[in-house]
Each structure stands twice: as structure tokens, then as C-alpha cells.
């Protein structure tokens, strides 16, 4: 799938089918994370793949906002080093690349940040120097996704040169 088409059609999904995601796709998702740029090329993030049904249930219990993840086919816990002021941005960049790589294969996803950190640390052996920053769950969608997004127009959110100076696409030669 074209990268722009991935961006335009990818929606967050919390309801997954029982169809298993092939191991090759999981590896491509993790490779997408590994190949993501990071601040100062620190590559401080670490990724915990969670794919066993019981481990997914544990991950759901360790969450305050991601109970749905127990029905995912697999999940990735993104750990970052908080000594870097940009660690959360780097986590977001890695997540976005993973989600787009997955969507390229028809695998949907959704993220959550609401966690019980101490339970998560204990259950998944997370070292104290790393922060469990974000979790993304993956799986084939339970129903067909139409890819229709409810977003504001560019005229509502983009400006030219100064805030408040609405962007006019004609000024871009369009």
C-alpha cells in the first residue's frame, strides 16, 4: 500500500478478529520500530512483544485504559529512557511507524498510555531505568474498515507564515 494511502485510511481499532497475524508481519512491525529515527540517534527505546493469550490478559489487567488489548492478536510495550527529554516523542514516532507498517498488511491497531506501572514492571520484567511509555495492540479488524476519518479541514488548522493567517492552497500553487 502507498504510504500516503496508509495514512489516509488507517483508523484506530479496538475490536479484532480471531485470525492470527503471521510471524513475518510481526517481525516487520518490530523492524519498523527499530528503523525509526530517534533524538540524537540514541535508540534508547526497547520493545516487548506480547503475544500469548494469558500475557495479553495480564497486559489488560495492568492497564487503566486498555482492557481491549486482551482481544488483540499481539501487543508491543514501548519502553523509553526518561533521561532523554524527547523520550515520549521517540515512542510516538516508533508507534506510528509500527502502526503504518502493520496497516500495510491489513493489520489494525490502537494505542493506550493508561497503565499501572508497578504491576507492568513486575509482570513483564521492566527495568527501573526504563519507562513503560505506550502500548499498541494489533490484530486483523473484526469488521471492514471504511477508512473515513472525521477530521478538521486544513483551513481550520493550518496557517501560512503566522498563526491566524489561514493557509490558502492556491498560494501553494495548487
C-alpha atoms as a PDB file:
ATOM      1  CA  UNK A   1       0.000   0.000   0.000  1.00  0.00           C
ATOM      2  CA  UNK A   2       1.223   3.501  -0.760  1.00  0.00           C
ATOM      3  CA  UNK A   3       2.462   5.333   2.371  1.00  0.00           C
ATOM      4  CA  UNK A   4       0.038   8.217   1.888  1.00  0.00           C
ATOM      5  CA  UNK A   5      -2.860   5.768   1.429  1.00  0.00           C
ATOM      6  CA  UNK A   6      -1.849   4.094   4.710  1.00  0.00           C
ATOM      7  CA  UNK A   7      -2.031   7.440   6.488  1.00  0.00           C
ATOM      8  CA  UNK A   8      -5.336   8.430   4.888  1.00  0.00           C
ATOM      9  CA  UNK A   9      -7.103   5.114   5.603  1.00  0.00           C
ATOM     10  CA  UNK A  10      -5.645   3.938   8.943  1.00  0.00           C
ATOM     11  CA  UNK A  11      -8.101   4.173  11.812  1.00  0.00           C
ATOM     12  CA  UNK A  12      -7.723   3.128  15.446  1.00  0.00           C
ATOM     13  CA  UNK A  13      -9.336  -0.262  16.043  1.00  0.00           C
ATOM     14  CA  UNK A  14     -10.056  -1.918  19.383  1.00  0.00           C
ATOM     15  CA  UNK A  15     -12.087  -4.882  18.103  1.00  0.00           C
ATOM     16  CA  UNK A  16     -10.116  -7.651  16.471  1.00  0.00           C
ATOM     17  CA  UNK A  17     -10.964 -10.878  14.666  1.00  0.00           C
ATOM     18  CA  UNK A  18      -9.582 -14.229  15.821  1.00  0.00           C
ATOM     19  CA  UNK A  19      -7.383 -14.511  12.713  1.00  0.00           C
ATOM     20  CA  UNK A  20      -3.706 -14.804  13.651  1.00  0.00           C
ATOM     21  CA  UNK A  21      -1.187 -12.314  12.340  1.00  0.00           C
ATOM     22  CA  UNK A  22       1.715 -14.168  10.672  1.00  0.00           C
ATOM     23  CA  UNK A  23       5.101 -14.056  12.384  1.00  0.00           C
ATOM     24  CA  UNK A  24       6.639 -12.366   9.331  1.00  0.00           C
ATOM     25  CA  UNK A  25       4.257  -9.429   9.727  1.00  0.00           C
ATOM     26  CA  UNK A  26       5.040  -9.159  13.443  1.00  0.00           C
ATOM     27  CA  UNK A  27       8.749  -9.041  12.601  1.00  0.00           C
ATOM     28  CA  UNK A  28       8.158  -6.307  10.010  1.00  0.00           C
ATOM     29  CA  UNK A  29       6.250  -4.296  12.625  1.00  0.00           C
ATOM     30  CA  UNK A  30       9.177  -4.616  15.047  1.00  0.00           C
ATOM     31  CA  UNK A  31      11.678  -3.816  12.279  1.00  0.00           C
ATOM     32  CA  UNK A  32       9.697  -0.654  11.501  1.00  0.00           C
ATOM     33  CA  UNK A  33      10.118   0.347  15.158  1.00  0.00           C
ATOM     34  CA  UNK A  34      13.838  -0.454  15.127  1.00  0.00           C
ATOM     35  CA  UNK A  35      14.392   1.589  11.979  1.00  0.00           C
ATOM     36  CA  UNK A  36      12.565   4.662  13.322  1.00  0.00           C
ATOM     37  CA  UNK A  37      14.687   7.742  13.871  1.00  0.00           C
ATOM     38  CA  UNK A  38      15.324   8.815  17.461  1.00  0.00           C
ATOM     39  CA  UNK A  39      16.562  12.017  19.051  1.00  0.00           C
ATOM     40  CA  UNK A  40      20.369  12.242  18.843  1.00  0.00           C
ATOM     41  CA  UNK A  41      20.182   8.724  17.319  1.00  0.00           C
ATOM     42  CA  UNK A  42      20.080   7.497  20.932  1.00  0.00           C
ATOM     43  CA  UNK A  43      17.959   4.452  20.012  1.00  0.00           C
ATOM     44  CA  UNK A  44      17.017   4.268  23.688  1.00  0.00           C
ATOM     45  CA  UNK A  45      13.646   2.617  23.130  1.00  0.00           C
ATOM     46  CA  UNK A  46      13.084  -1.060  23.778  1.00  0.00           C
ATOM     47  CA  UNK A  47      10.142  -3.150  22.611  1.00  0.00           C
ATOM     48  CA  UNK A  48       8.436  -6.012  24.451  1.00  0.00           C
ATOM     49  CA  UNK A  49       6.374  -8.257  22.162  1.00  0.00           C
ATOM     50  CA  UNK A  50       3.356  -9.726  23.958  1.00  0.00           C
ATOM     51  CA  UNK A  51       1.522 -12.429  22.019  1.00  0.00           C
ATOM     52  CA  UNK A  52       0.399 -15.242  24.309  1.00  0.00           C
ATOM     53  CA  UNK A  53      -3.277 -15.021  25.264  1.00  0.00           C
ATOM     54  CA  UNK A  54      -2.573 -15.144  29.025  1.00  0.00           C
ATOM     55  CA  UNK A  55       0.116 -12.441  28.715  1.00  0.00           C
ATOM     56  CA  UNK A  56      -2.333 -10.242  26.781  1.00  0.00           C
ATOM     57  CA  UNK A  57      -4.838 -10.701  29.629  1.00  0.00           C
ATOM     58  CA  UNK A  58      -2.138  -9.686  32.106  1.00  0.00           C
ATOM     59  CA  UNK A  59      -1.326  -6.642  29.998  1.00  0.00           C
ATOM     60  CA  UNK A  60      -5.028  -5.699  30.006  1.00  0.00           C
ATOM     61  CA  UNK A  61      -5.149  -6.034  33.815  1.00  0.00           C
ATOM     62  CA  UNK A  62      -2.033  -3.863  34.114  1.00  0.00           C
ATOM     63  CA  UNK A  63      -3.845  -1.145  32.149  1.00  0.00           C
ATOM     64  CA  UNK A  64      -6.269   1.544  33.238  1.00  0.00           C
ATOM     65  CA  UNK A  65      -7.437   2.370  29.691  1.00  0.00           C
ATOM     66  CA  UNK A  66      -6.527  -0.640  27.532  1.00  0.00           C
ATOM     67  CA  UNK A  67      -8.700  -3.542  28.683  1.00  0.00           C
ATOM     68  CA  UNK A  68      -9.475  -4.150  24.990  1.00  0.00           C
ATOM     69  CA  UNK A  69      -5.860  -5.289  24.406  1.00  0.00           C
ATOM     70  CA  UNK A  70      -6.658  -8.774  25.744  1.00  0.00           C
ATOM     71  CA  UNK A  71      -8.554  -9.387  22.473  1.00  0.00           C
ATOM     72  CA  UNK A  72      -5.641  -8.230  20.281  1.00  0.00           C
ATOM     73  CA  UNK A  73      -3.547 -10.774  18.423  1.00  0.00           C
ATOM     74  CA  UNK A  74      -0.373  -9.224  19.811  1.00  0.00           C
ATOM     75  CA  UNK A  75       0.827  -6.069  21.507  1.00  0.00           C
ATOM     76  CA  UNK A  76       4.058  -4.161  21.867  1.00  0.00           C
ATOM     77  CA  UNK A  77       5.052  -2.367  25.050  1.00  0.00           C
ATOM     78  CA  UNK A  78       7.307   0.564  24.178  1.00  0.00           C
ATOM     79  CA  UNK A  79       9.883   1.355  26.843  1.00  0.00           C
ATOM     80  CA  UNK A  80      11.881   4.567  26.754  1.00  0.00           C
ATOM     81  CA  UNK A  81      14.663   6.129  28.768  1.00  0.00           C
ATOM     82  CA  UNK A  82      13.236   9.194  30.561  1.00  0.00           C
ATOM     83  CA  UNK A  83      16.699  10.747  30.921  1.00  0.00           C
ATOM     84  CA  UNK A  84      16.151  11.947  27.363  1.00  0.00           C
ATOM     85  CA  UNK A  85      13.736  14.875  27.323  1.00  0.00           C
ATOM     86  CA  UNK A  86      12.414  13.694  23.965  1.00  0.00           C
ATOM     87  CA  UNK A  87      11.738  10.092  25.036  1.00  0.00           C
ATOM     88  CA  UNK A  88       7.946  10.328  24.668  1.00  0.00           C
ATOM     89  CA  UNK A  89       8.276  11.849  21.199  1.00  0.00           C
ATOM     90  CA  UNK A  90      10.548   8.988  20.175  1.00  0.00           C
ATOM     91  CA  UNK A  91       7.986   6.489  21.478  1.00  0.00           C
ATOM     92  CA  UNK A  92       5.286   8.169  19.401  1.00  0.00           C
ATOM     93  CA  UNK A  93       7.455   8.082  16.300  1.00  0.00           C
ATOM     94  CA  UNK A  94       8.149   4.359  16.736  1.00  0.00           C
ATOM     95  CA  UNK A  95       4.468   3.621  17.363  1.00  0.00           C
ATOM     96  CA  UNK A  96       3.406   5.494  14.241  1.00  0.00           C
ATOM     97  CA  UNK A  97       5.888   3.560  12.097  1.00  0.00           C
ATOM     98  CA  UNK A  98       4.751   0.252  13.604  1.00  0.00           C
ATOM     99  CA  UNK A  99       1.093   1.087  13.007  1.00  0.00           C
ATOM    100  CA  UNK A 100       1.656   2.110   9.396  1.00  0.00           C
ATOM    101  CA  UNK A 101       3.777  -0.980   8.695  1.00  0.00           C
ATOM    102  CA  UNK A 102       1.032  -3.168  10.171  1.00  0.00           C
ATOM    103  CA  UNK A 103      -1.736  -1.412   8.243  1.00  0.00           C
ATOM    104  CA  UNK A 104       0.207  -2.051   5.042  1.00  0.00           C
ATOM    105  CA  UNK A 105      -0.646  -5.738   5.662  1.00  0.00           C
ATOM    106  CA  UNK A 106      -4.235  -5.070   6.716  1.00  0.00           C
ATOM    107  CA  UNK A 107      -3.400  -5.348  10.432  1.00  0.00           C
ATOM    108  CA  UNK A 108      -5.201  -2.741  12.518  1.00  0.00           C
ATOM    109  CA  UNK A 109      -4.044  -1.243  15.813  1.00  0.00           C
ATOM    110  CA  UNK A 110      -4.721   1.109  18.685  1.00  0.00           C
ATOM    111  CA  UNK A 111      -2.638   2.602  21.494  1.00  0.00           C
ATOM    112  CA  UNK A 112      -3.047   3.274  25.180  1.00  0.00           C
ATOM    113  CA  UNK A 113      -0.986   5.035  27.817  1.00  0.00           C
ATOM    114  CA  UNK A 114      -3.081   4.363  30.919  1.00  0.00           C
ATOM    115  CA  UNK A 115      -1.038   1.824  32.862  1.00  0.00           C
ATOM    116  CA  UNK A 116      -0.377   0.539  36.340  1.00  0.00           C
ATOM    117  CA  UNK A 117       3.410   0.946  36.049  1.00  0.00           C
ATOM    118  CA  UNK A 118       4.463  -1.127  39.046  1.00  0.00           C
ATOM    119  CA  UNK A 119       2.300  -4.101  38.033  1.00  0.00           C
ATOM    120  CA  UNK A 120       3.504  -3.789  34.448  1.00  0.00           C
ATOM    121  CA  UNK A 121       7.149  -3.652  35.587  1.00  0.00           C
ATOM    122  CA  UNK A 122       6.710  -6.764  37.711  1.00  0.00           C
ATOM    123  CA  UNK A 123       4.701  -8.777  35.184  1.00  0.00           C
ATOM    124  CA  UNK A 124       6.956  -8.010  32.206  1.00  0.00           C
ATOM    125  CA  UNK A 125      10.349  -7.642  33.974  1.00  0.00           C
ATOM    126  CA  UNK A 126      10.763  -3.990  33.018  1.00  0.00           C
ATOM    127  CA  UNK A 127      13.932  -2.463  34.487  1.00  0.00           C
ATOM    128  CA  UNK A 128      13.526   0.614  36.687  1.00  0.00           C
ATOM    129  CA  UNK A 129      15.630   2.835  34.400  1.00  0.00           C
ATOM    130  CA  UNK A 130      13.151   2.429  31.539  1.00  0.00           C
ATOM    131  CA  UNK A 131       9.690   3.942  31.418  1.00  0.00           C
ATOM    132  CA  UNK A 132       6.726   1.971  30.033  1.00  0.00           C
ATOM    133  CA  UNK A 133       5.613   4.841  27.807  1.00  0.00           C
ATOM    134  CA  UNK A 134       2.942   3.475  25.493  1.00  0.00           C
ATOM    135  CA  UNK A 135       1.379   0.186  24.415  1.00  0.00           C
ATOM    136  CA  UNK A 136      -0.002  -0.666  20.994  1.00  0.00           C
ATOM    137  CA  UNK A 137      -2.274  -3.632  20.316  1.00  0.00           C
ATOM    138  CA  UNK A 138      -2.512  -5.223  16.874  1.00  0.00           C
ATOM    139  CA  UNK A 139      -4.807  -7.605  15.033  1.00  0.00           C
ATOM    140  CA  UNK A 140      -6.977  -8.002  11.998  1.00  0.00           C
ATOM    141  CA  UNK A 141     -10.095  -5.841  12.369  1.00  0.00           C
ATOM    142  CA  UNK A 142     -13.281  -7.605  13.459  1.00  0.00           C
ATOM    143  CA  UNK A 143     -15.223  -5.811  10.725  1.00  0.00           C
ATOM    144  CA  UNK A 144     -14.475  -4.000   7.486  1.00  0.00           C
ATOM    145  CA  UNK A 145     -12.892  -0.582   7.953  1.00  0.00           C
ATOM    146  CA  UNK A 146     -14.051   2.123   5.576  1.00  0.00           C
ATOM    147  CA  UNK A 147     -11.165   4.497   6.306  1.00  0.00           C
ATOM    148  CA  UNK A 148     -13.438   7.555   6.635  1.00  0.00           C
ATOM    149  CA  UNK A 149     -11.868   9.940   9.103  1.00  0.00           C
ATOM    150  CA  UNK A 150     -13.670  12.710  10.948  1.00  0.00           C
ATOM    151  CA  UNK A 151     -11.011  15.429  10.852  1.00  0.00           C
ATOM    152  CA  UNK A 152     -10.990  19.205  10.725  1.00  0.00           C
ATOM    153  CA  UNK A 153     -10.148  20.817   7.383  1.00  0.00           C
ATOM    154  CA  UNK A 154      -6.723  22.289   6.668  1.00  0.00           C
ATOM    155  CA  UNK A 155      -8.356  25.728   6.602  1.00  0.00           C
ATOM    156  CA  UNK A 156      -9.249  25.201  10.272  1.00  0.00           C
ATOM    157  CA  UNK A 157      -5.825  24.082  11.481  1.00  0.00           C
ATOM    158  CA  UNK A 158      -3.059  25.277   9.112  1.00  0.00           C
ATOM    159  CA  UNK A 159      -1.623  28.769   8.803  1.00  0.00           C
ATOM    160  CA  UNK A 160       0.799  30.456   6.437  1.00  0.00           C
ATOM    161  CA  UNK A 161       3.722  32.366   7.934  1.00  0.00           C
ATOM    162  CA  UNK A 162       1.872  33.436  11.102  1.00  0.00           C
ATOM    163  CA  UNK A 163      -0.714  31.905  13.386  1.00  0.00           C
ATOM    164  CA  UNK A 164      -4.133  33.179  12.365  1.00  0.00           C
ATOM    165  CA  UNK A 165      -3.154  33.702   8.717  1.00  0.00           C
ATOM    166  CA  UNK A 166      -5.250  30.916   7.168  1.00  0.00           C
ATOM    167  CA  UNK A 167      -3.488  28.675   4.686  1.00  0.00           C
ATOM    168  CA  UNK A 168      -4.811  29.173   1.158  1.00  0.00           C
ATOM    169  CA  UNK A 169      -3.908  26.169  -1.047  1.00  0.00           C
ATOM    170  CA  UNK A 170      -3.832  28.496  -4.095  1.00  0.00           C
ATOM    171  CA  UNK A 171      -0.839  30.275  -2.548  1.00  0.00           C
ATOM    172  CA  UNK A 172       0.971  26.940  -2.748  1.00  0.00           C
ATOM    173  CA  UNK A 173       0.396  26.737  -6.486  1.00  0.00           C
ATOM    174  CA  UNK A 174      -2.361  24.140  -6.120  1.00  0.00           C
END
